């Protein structure tokens, strides 16, 4: 995403974080933009960095299962 270097792992931080990571999700610029628009639609002002969490959730298996059963 613009202004972010999310493709480079912090080796220093990873030592502390790796025990708590169960999964990771790649979010493309288009997905982050769509999440920004979705959040705007419900009155939430967020940029791509903030909306990336929604995009990642939507892309996750759990997010897809919720969408299939119409939850949320």
PDB file of N, CA and C in Angstrom:
ATOM      1  N   UNK A   1       0.847  -1.171   0.000  1.00  0.00           N
ATOM      2  CA  UNK A   1       0.000   0.000   0.000  1.00  0.00           C
ATOM      3  C   UNK A   1       0.889   1.229   0.000  1.00  0.00           C
ATOM      4  N   UNK A   2       0.365   2.289  -0.492  1.00  0.00           N
ATOM      5  CA  UNK A   2       1.143   3.524  -0.585  1.00  0.00           C
ATOM      6  C   UNK A   2       1.752   3.894   0.758  1.00  0.00           C
ATOM      7  N   UNK A   3       3.049   4.144   0.755  1.00  0.00           N
ATOM      8  CA  UNK A   3       3.727   4.607   1.963  1.00  0.00           C
ATOM      9  C   UNK A   3       4.051   3.525   2.973  1.00  0.00           C
ATOM     10  N   UNK A   4       3.703   2.284   2.674  1.00  0.00           N
ATOM     11  CA  UNK A   4       3.987   1.215   3.630  1.00  0.00           C
ATOM     12  C   UNK A   4       4.958   0.222   3.013  1.00  0.00           C
ATOM     13  N   UNK A   5       5.790  -0.339   3.834  1.00  0.00           N
ATOM     14  CA  UNK A   5       6.705  -1.389   3.400  1.00  0.00           C
ATOM     15  C   UNK A   5       6.363  -2.643   4.192  1.00  0.00           C
ATOM     16  N   UNK A   6       5.205  -3.200   3.887  1.00  0.00           N
ATOM     17  CA  UNK A   6       4.721  -4.353   4.649  1.00  0.00           C
ATOM     18  C   UNK A   6       5.334  -5.659   4.187  1.00  0.00           C
ATOM     19  N   UNK A   7       6.074  -5.610   3.097  1.00  0.00           N
ATOM     20  CA  UNK A   7       6.677  -6.832   2.580  1.00  0.00           C
ATOM     21  C   UNK A   7       7.959  -7.218   3.275  1.00  0.00           C
ATOM     22  N   UNK A   8       8.473  -6.355   4.130  1.00  0.00           N
ATOM     23  CA  UNK A   8       9.723  -6.633   4.811  1.00  0.00           C
ATOM     24  C   UNK A   8       9.456  -6.925   6.281  1.00  0.00           C
ATOM     25  N   UNK A   9       9.783  -8.113   6.686  1.00  0.00           N
ATOM     26  CA  UNK A   9       9.585  -8.537   8.063  1.00  0.00           C
ATOM     27  C   UNK A   9      10.654  -7.930   8.967  1.00  0.00           C
ATOM     28  N   UNK A  10      10.253  -7.430  10.103  1.00  0.00           N
ATOM     29  CA  UNK A  10      11.204  -6.945  11.095  1.00  0.00           C
ATOM     30  C   UNK A  10      11.737  -8.153  11.860  1.00  0.00           C
ATOM     31  N   UNK A  11      12.981  -8.483  11.617  1.00  0.00           N
ATOM     32  CA  UNK A  11      13.554  -9.660  12.291  1.00  0.00           C
ATOM     33  C   UNK A  11      13.644  -9.453  13.798  1.00  0.00           C
ATOM     34  N   UNK A  12      13.803  -8.220  14.227  1.00  0.00           N
ATOM     35  CA  UNK A  12      13.845  -7.924  15.663  1.00  0.00           C
ATOM     36  C   UNK A  12      12.473  -8.155  16.291  1.00  0.00           C
ATOM     37  N   UNK A  13      11.431  -7.621  15.671  1.00  0.00           N
ATOM     38  CA  UNK A  13      10.084  -7.781  16.211  1.00  0.00           C
ATOM     39  C   UNK A  13       9.612  -9.229  16.106  1.00  0.00           C
ATOM     40  N   UNK A  14      10.010  -9.923  15.038  1.00  0.00           N
ATOM     41  CA  UNK A  14       9.537 -11.284  14.828  1.00  0.00           C
ATOM     42  C   UNK A  14       9.912 -12.212  15.984  1.00  0.00           C
ATOM     43  N   UNK A  15      11.058 -12.000  16.576  1.00  0.00           N
ATOM     44  CA  UNK A  15      11.474 -12.837  17.704  1.00  0.00           C
ATOM     45  C   UNK A  15      10.449 -12.802  18.828  1.00  0.00           C
ATOM     46  N   UNK A  16       9.853 -11.641  19.070  1.00  0.00           N
ATOM     47  CA  UNK A  16       8.859 -11.504  20.139  1.00  0.00           C
ATOM     48  C   UNK A  16       7.458 -11.883  19.664  1.00  0.00           C
ATOM     49  N   UNK A  17       7.154 -11.687  18.397  1.00  0.00           N
ATOM     50  CA  UNK A  17       5.796 -11.872  17.898  1.00  0.00           C
ATOM     51  C   UNK A  17       5.480 -13.289  17.412  1.00  0.00           C
ATOM     52  N   UNK A  18       6.473 -14.056  17.005  1.00  0.00           N
ATOM     53  CA  UNK A  18       6.218 -15.317  16.314  1.00  0.00           C
ATOM     54  C   UNK A  18       5.402 -16.324  17.118  1.00  0.00           C
ATOM     55  N   UNK A  19       5.484 -16.281  18.428  1.00  0.00           N
ATOM     56  CA  UNK A  19       4.721 -17.221  19.240  1.00  0.00           C
ATOM     57  C   UNK A  19       3.225 -16.923  19.213  1.00  0.00           C
ATOM     58  N   UNK A  20       2.833 -15.697  18.892  1.00  0.00           N
ATOM     59  CA  UNK A  20       1.422 -15.327  18.888  1.00  0.00           C
ATOM     60  C   UNK A  20       0.791 -15.283  17.511  1.00  0.00           C
ATOM     61  N   UNK A  21       1.539 -15.620  16.467  1.00  0.00           N
ATOM     62  CA  UNK A  21       1.016 -15.554  15.106  1.00  0.00           C
ATOM     63  C   UNK A  21       0.500 -16.926  14.682  1.00  0.00           C
ATOM     64  N   UNK A  22      -0.776 -16.964  14.343  1.00  0.00           N
ATOM     65  CA  UNK A  22      -1.382 -18.205  13.870  1.00  0.00           C
ATOM     66  C   UNK A  22      -1.538 -18.223  12.353  1.00  0.00           C
ATOM     67  N   UNK A  23      -1.634 -17.044  11.739  1.00  0.00           N
ATOM     68  CA  UNK A  23      -1.854 -16.971  10.300  1.00  0.00           C
ATOM     69  C   UNK A  23      -1.455 -15.593   9.797  1.00  0.00           C
ATOM     70  N   UNK A  24      -1.325 -15.498   8.493  1.00  0.00           N
ATOM     71  CA  UNK A  24      -1.092 -14.190   7.876  1.00  0.00           C
ATOM     72  C   UNK A  24      -1.924 -14.117   6.603  1.00  0.00           C
ATOM     73  N   UNK A  25      -2.241 -12.897   6.198  1.00  0.00           N
ATOM     74  CA  UNK A  25      -3.058 -12.678   5.012  1.00  0.00           C
ATOM     75  C   UNK A  25      -2.422 -11.564   4.194  1.00  0.00           C
ATOM     76  N   UNK A  26      -2.340 -11.759   2.893  1.00  0.00           N
ATOM     77  CA  UNK A  26      -1.842 -10.728   1.993  1.00  0.00           C
ATOM     78  C   UNK A  26      -3.028  -9.887   1.530  1.00  0.00           C
ATOM     79  N   UNK A  27      -2.882  -8.569   1.626  1.00  0.00           N
ATOM     80  CA  UNK A  27      -3.933  -7.648   1.197  1.00  0.00           C
ATOM     81  C   UNK A  27      -3.372  -6.785   0.066  1.00  0.00           C
ATOM     82  N   UNK A  28      -4.042  -6.837  -1.073  1.00  0.00           N
ATOM     83  CA  UNK A  28      -3.637  -6.033  -2.220  1.00  0.00           C
ATOM     84  C   UNK A  28      -4.199  -4.616  -2.081  1.00  0.00           C
ATOM     85  N   UNK A  29      -3.622  -3.677  -2.814  1.00  0.00           N
ATOM     86  CA  UNK A  29      -4.090  -2.284  -2.789  1.00  0.00           C
ATOM     87  C   UNK A  29      -5.583  -2.182  -3.094  1.00  0.00           C
ATOM     88  N   UNK A  30      -6.041  -2.929  -4.086  1.00  0.00           N
ATOM     89  CA  UNK A  30      -7.455  -2.875  -4.483  1.00  0.00           C
ATOM     90  C   UNK A  30      -8.358  -3.327  -3.333  1.00  0.00           C
ATOM     91  N   UNK A  31      -7.957  -4.368  -2.626  1.00  0.00           N
ATOM     92  CA  UNK A  31      -8.753  -4.862  -1.505  1.00  0.00           C
ATOM     93  C   UNK A  31      -8.808  -3.823  -0.380  1.00  0.00           C
ATOM     94  N   UNK A  32      -7.684  -3.177  -0.110  1.00  0.00           N
ATOM     95  CA  UNK A  32      -7.660  -2.143   0.925  1.00  0.00           C
ATOM     96  C   UNK A  32      -8.562  -0.971   0.525  1.00  0.00           C
ATOM     97  N   UNK A  33      -8.525  -0.597  -0.752  1.00  0.00           N
ATOM     98  CA  UNK A  33      -9.376   0.500  -1.237  1.00  0.00           C
ATOM     99  C   UNK A  33     -10.856   0.135  -1.108  1.00  0.00           C
ATOM    100  N   UNK A  34     -11.206  -1.093  -1.485  1.00  0.00           N
ATOM    101  CA  UNK A  34     -12.602  -1.533  -1.360  1.00  0.00           C
ATOM    102  C   UNK A  34     -13.050  -1.519   0.102  1.00  0.00           C
ATOM    103  N   UNK A  35     -12.143  -1.871   1.012  1.00  0.00           N
ATOM    104  CA  UNK A  35     -12.476  -1.839   2.441  1.00  0.00           C
ATOM    105  C   UNK A  35     -12.662  -0.405   2.920  1.00  0.00           C
ATOM    106  N   UNK A  36     -11.870   0.536   2.390  1.00  0.00           N
ATOM    107  CA  UNK A  36     -12.056   1.953   2.723  1.00  0.00           C
ATOM    108  C   UNK A  36     -13.468   2.380   2.327  1.00  0.00           C
ATOM    109  N   UNK A  37     -13.891   2.011   1.129  1.00  0.00           N
ATOM    110  CA  UNK A  37     -15.230   2.373   0.647  1.00  0.00           C
ATOM    111  C   UNK A  37     -16.321   1.716   1.483  1.00  0.00           C
ATOM    112  N   UNK A  38     -16.113   0.466   1.868  1.00  0.00           N
ATOM    113  CA  UNK A  38     -17.096  -0.231   2.697  1.00  0.00           C
ATOM    114  C   UNK A  38     -17.245   0.454   4.053  1.00  0.00           C
ATOM    115  N   UNK A  39     -16.120   0.831   4.650  1.00  0.00           N
ATOM    116  CA  UNK A  39     -16.168   1.524   5.940  1.00  0.00           C
ATOM    117  C   UNK A  39     -16.824   2.895   5.802  1.00  0.00           C
ATOM    118  N   UNK A  40     -16.512   3.615   4.716  1.00  0.00           N
ATOM    119  CA  UNK A  40     -17.164   4.915   4.483  1.00  0.00           C
ATOM    120  C   UNK A  40     -18.674   4.752   4.416  1.00  0.00           C
ATOM    121  N   UNK A  41     -19.119   3.639   3.842  1.00  0.00           N
ATOM    122  CA  UNK A  41     -20.542   3.372   3.698  1.00  0.00           C
ATOM    123  C   UNK A  41     -21.279   3.234   5.022  1.00  0.00           C
ATOM    124  N   UNK A  42     -20.540   2.941   6.090  1.00  0.00           N
ATOM    125  CA  UNK A  42     -21.156   2.839   7.422  1.00  0.00           C
ATOM    126  C   UNK A  42     -20.688   3.966   8.338  1.00  0.00           C
ATOM    127  N   UNK A  43     -20.113   5.010   7.727  1.00  0.00           N
ATOM    128  CA  UNK A  43     -19.759   6.202   8.487  1.00  0.00           C
ATOM    129  C   UNK A  43     -18.420   6.170   9.196  1.00  0.00           C
ATOM    130  N   UNK A  44     -17.550   5.242   8.807  1.00  0.00           N
ATOM    131  CA  UNK A  44     -16.231   5.163   9.435  1.00  0.00           C
ATOM    132  C   UNK A  44     -15.200   5.742   8.478  1.00  0.00           C
ATOM    133  N   UNK A  45     -14.468   6.758   8.948  1.00  0.00           N
ATOM    134  CA  UNK A  45     -13.398   7.344   8.143  1.00  0.00           C
ATOM    135  C   UNK A  45     -12.108   6.594   8.441  1.00  0.00           C
ATOM    136  N   UNK A  46     -11.575   5.919   7.430  1.00  0.00           N
ATOM    137  CA  UNK A  46     -10.331   5.167   7.585  1.00  0.00           C
ATOM    138  C   UNK A  46      -9.547   5.247   6.296  1.00  0.00           C
ATOM    139  N   UNK A  47      -8.251   5.240   6.431  1.00  0.00           N
ATOM    140  CA  UNK A  47      -7.382   5.173   5.269  1.00  0.00           C
ATOM    141  C   UNK A  47      -7.054   3.728   4.957  1.00  0.00           C
ATOM    142  N   UNK A  48      -6.216   3.499   3.955  1.00  0.00           N
ATOM    143  CA  UNK A  48      -5.883   2.136   3.559  1.00  0.00           C
ATOM    144  C   UNK A  48      -5.242   1.317   4.681  1.00  0.00           C
ATOM    145  N   UNK A  49      -4.434   1.958   5.503  1.00  0.00           N
ATOM    146  CA  UNK A  49      -3.784   1.219   6.597  1.00  0.00           C
ATOM    147  C   UNK A  49      -4.811   0.706   7.598  1.00  0.00           C
ATOM    148  N   UNK A  50      -5.767   1.538   7.949  1.00  0.00           N
ATOM    149  CA  UNK A  50      -6.801   1.132   8.888  1.00  0.00           C
ATOM    150  C   UNK A  50      -7.772   0.143   8.274  1.00  0.00           C
ATOM    151  N   UNK A  51      -8.088   0.322   7.017  1.00  0.00           N
ATOM    152  CA  UNK A  51      -9.047  -0.553   6.345  1.00  0.00           C
ATOM    153  C   UNK A  51      -8.433  -1.900   5.977  1.00  0.00           C
ATOM    154  N   UNK A  52      -7.124  -1.991   5.965  1.00  0.00           N
ATOM    155  CA  UNK A  52      -6.469  -3.255   5.610  1.00  0.00           C
ATOM    156  C   UNK A  52      -6.876  -4.380   6.554  1.00  0.00           C
ATOM    157  N   UNK A  53      -7.171  -4.059   7.791  1.00  0.00           N
ATOM    158  CA  UNK A  53      -7.608  -5.085   8.737  1.00  0.00           C
ATOM    159  C   UNK A  53      -8.935  -5.683   8.299  1.00  0.00           C
ATOM    160  N   UNK A  54      -9.877  -4.842   7.869  1.00  0.00           N
ATOM    161  CA  UNK A  54     -11.154  -5.334   7.364  1.00  0.00           C
ATOM    162  C   UNK A  54     -10.931  -6.175   6.108  1.00  0.00           C
ATOM    163  N   UNK A  55     -10.068  -5.713   5.224  1.00  0.00           N
ATOM    164  CA  UNK A  55      -9.774  -6.461   3.996  1.00  0.00           C
ATOM    165  C   UNK A  55      -9.164  -7.819   4.330  1.00  0.00           C
ATOM    166  N   UNK A  56      -8.271  -7.861   5.299  1.00  0.00           N
ATOM    167  CA  UNK A  56      -7.646  -9.124   5.700  1.00  0.00           C
ATOM    168  C   UNK A  56      -8.675 -10.068   6.302  1.00  0.00           C
ATOM    169  N   UNK A  57      -9.561  -9.536   7.150  1.00  0.00           N
ATOM    170  CA  UNK A  57     -10.606 -10.365   7.742  1.00  0.00           C
ATOM    171  C   UNK A  57     -11.520 -10.928   6.655  1.00  0.00           C
ATOM    172  N   UNK A  58     -11.906 -10.069   5.717  1.00  0.00           N
ATOM    173  CA  UNK A  58     -12.786 -10.490   4.627  1.00  0.00           C
ATOM    174  C   UNK A  58     -12.130 -11.588   3.808  1.00  0.00           C
ATOM    175  N   UNK A  59     -10.829 -11.499   3.633  1.00  0.00           N
ATOM    176  CA  UNK A  59     -10.075 -12.474   2.841  1.00  0.00           C
ATOM    177  C   UNK A  59      -9.832 -13.774   3.610  1.00  0.00           C
ATOM    178  N   UNK A  60      -9.923 -13.723   4.917  1.00  0.00           N
ATOM    179  CA  UNK A  60      -9.642 -14.907   5.738  1.00  0.00           C
ATOM    180  C   UNK A  60     -10.742 -15.953   5.605  1.00  0.00           C
ATOM    181  N   UNK A  61     -10.438 -17.172   5.958  1.00  0.00           N
ATOM    182  CA  UNK A  61     -11.444 -18.241   5.937  1.00  0.00           C
ATOM    183  C   UNK A  61     -12.610 -17.911   6.851  1.00  0.00           C
ATOM    184  N   UNK A  62     -12.332 -17.372   8.026  1.00  0.00           N
ATOM    185  CA  UNK A  62     -13.390 -17.044   8.974  1.00  0.00           C
ATOM    186  C   UNK A  62     -14.318 -15.975   8.402  1.00  0.00           C
ATOM    187  N   UNK A  63     -13.737 -14.965   7.777  1.00  0.00           N
ATOM    188  CA  UNK A  63     -14.534 -13.913   7.149  1.00  0.00           C
ATOM    189  C   UNK A  63     -15.396 -14.447   6.021  1.00  0.00           C
ATOM    190  N   UNK A  64     -14.865 -15.366   5.226  1.00  0.00           N
ATOM    191  CA  UNK A  64     -15.641 -15.960   4.133  1.00  0.00           C
ATOM    192  C   UNK A  64     -16.787 -16.803   4.681  1.00  0.00           C
ATOM    193  N   UNK A  65     -16.555 -17.538   5.764  1.00  0.00           N
ATOM    194  CA  UNK A  65     -17.627 -18.353   6.356  1.00  0.00           C
ATOM    195  C   UNK A  65     -18.752 -17.460   6.861  1.00  0.00           C
ATOM    196  N   UNK A  66     -18.399 -16.351   7.517  1.00  0.00           N
ATOM    197  CA  UNK A  66     -19.439 -15.432   8.013  1.00  0.00           C
ATOM    198  C   UNK A  66     -20.237 -14.864   6.854  1.00  0.00           C
ATOM    199  N   UNK A  67     -19.577 -14.523   5.764  1.00  0.00           N
ATOM    200  CA  UNK A  67     -20.271 -13.954   4.608  1.00  0.00           C
ATOM    201  C   UNK A  67     -21.227 -14.973   3.997  1.00  0.00           C
ATOM    202  N   UNK A  68     -20.832 -16.255   3.957  1.00  0.00           N
ATOM    203  CA  UNK A  68     -21.684 -17.288   3.367  1.00  0.00           C
ATOM    204  C   UNK A  68     -22.974 -17.498   4.139  1.00  0.00           C
ATOM    205  N   UNK A  69     -22.912 -17.364   5.457  1.00  0.00           N
ATOM    206  CA  UNK A  69     -24.123 -17.600   6.253  1.00  0.00           C
ATOM    207  C   UNK A  69     -24.866 -16.304   6.562  1.00  0.00           C
ATOM    208  N   UNK A  70     -24.350 -15.181   6.041  1.00  0.00           N
ATOM    209  CA  UNK A  70     -25.037 -13.904   6.198  1.00  0.00           C
ATOM    210  C   UNK A  70     -24.910 -13.277   7.573  1.00  0.00           C
ATOM    211  N   UNK A  71     -23.834 -13.580   8.285  1.00  0.00           N
ATOM    212  CA  UNK A  71     -23.600 -12.991   9.604  1.00  0.00           C
ATOM    213  C   UNK A  71     -22.858 -11.680   9.422  1.00  0.00           C
ATOM    214  N   UNK A  72     -23.194 -10.683  10.223  1.00  0.00           N
ATOM    215  CA  UNK A  72     -22.456  -9.428  10.194  1.00  0.00           C
ATOM    216  C   UNK A  72     -23.015  -8.511   9.237  1.00  0.00           C
TER     217      UNK A  72
END
